[in-house]
Amino acid sequence: MNAYLITKVLNNNVIICTKAQQEFVLIAKGIGFNKKSGMILEDNQAIEKVYILDQKSQQDHYKTLMELADDTLIQAVIDAVNIITNAVMKVDNQKLVISLTDHIIFAYKRLKQNQLINNPFVEETKQLYSEAYEIAEEVIERLNHVLDVNFPEDEIGFIALHIASNTESLSMREMDLINRLINKSIFILEHDLKHEIDKTSIQYQRFIRHIQFLRLFVNNGWSIKNEYI
């Protein structure tokens, strides 16, 4: 049967369904209106996004997140995910929809409570993941508009890291380690060697790219064969 069985209506725009013994998150404007568990939804209806959550922990986490947010916040999250998945970059949709939903909901709640988290790696993120950063800027612009808030630039960096972690073979932990390595290197240069670093310079951009390449060399077991090194 080419149809979905509705198992839970999260709100007017998001429902949980099953088909062929798999659980799906279906997203579309008004898709949950007047819908109830046990109803059949034809596959040919206007569905904007379909996400497969094949692990129970993911399913439970996503459902819990949906219960923490109102329709406006959920729509803002949906818009954010759509901006990223519609971009040129290839992303892991399943991983992204969970991590980004979690991040945006709690970032919004912290912002409303004036509990801002400083991001010390904004410049590094901007240089290392420039394409992801540009997409993140669009995401934050949309969130600010829909939610009538003003997320700081730090949040652009956080969103960019989430995007980058879903487009490269890097975990958030690995990217955090790279950023910490860059910051530690800069600290040594500036404080121990008394050499001031211009983070807007081409030299700085080349430096952090070399750090990124170093990570690639180490992770892939590559060696540098150069008789002059």
Foldseek 3Di string as FASTA:
>chain_A
DQKWFFAAQLDQFWTWTDDPRWIKIWGDHRPRPPDDGGDIGHPPPDTDDIETDRDVVLVVQVSVLSVLDDPLQVVLLVVLLCLLVVDPFDFDSNQLSRVSSVVSSVCVVCVVVVNDDAAPQLLLLCLVQVVLLVSLVVSQVSSCVSVVHHDDSRSSSVSSLSSVVGRDVDHSVRVVVLSVVLVVVQCCCCPVVVHHDDSVDPVVSVVSVVSVVVVVCVVVVHDDDDPVD
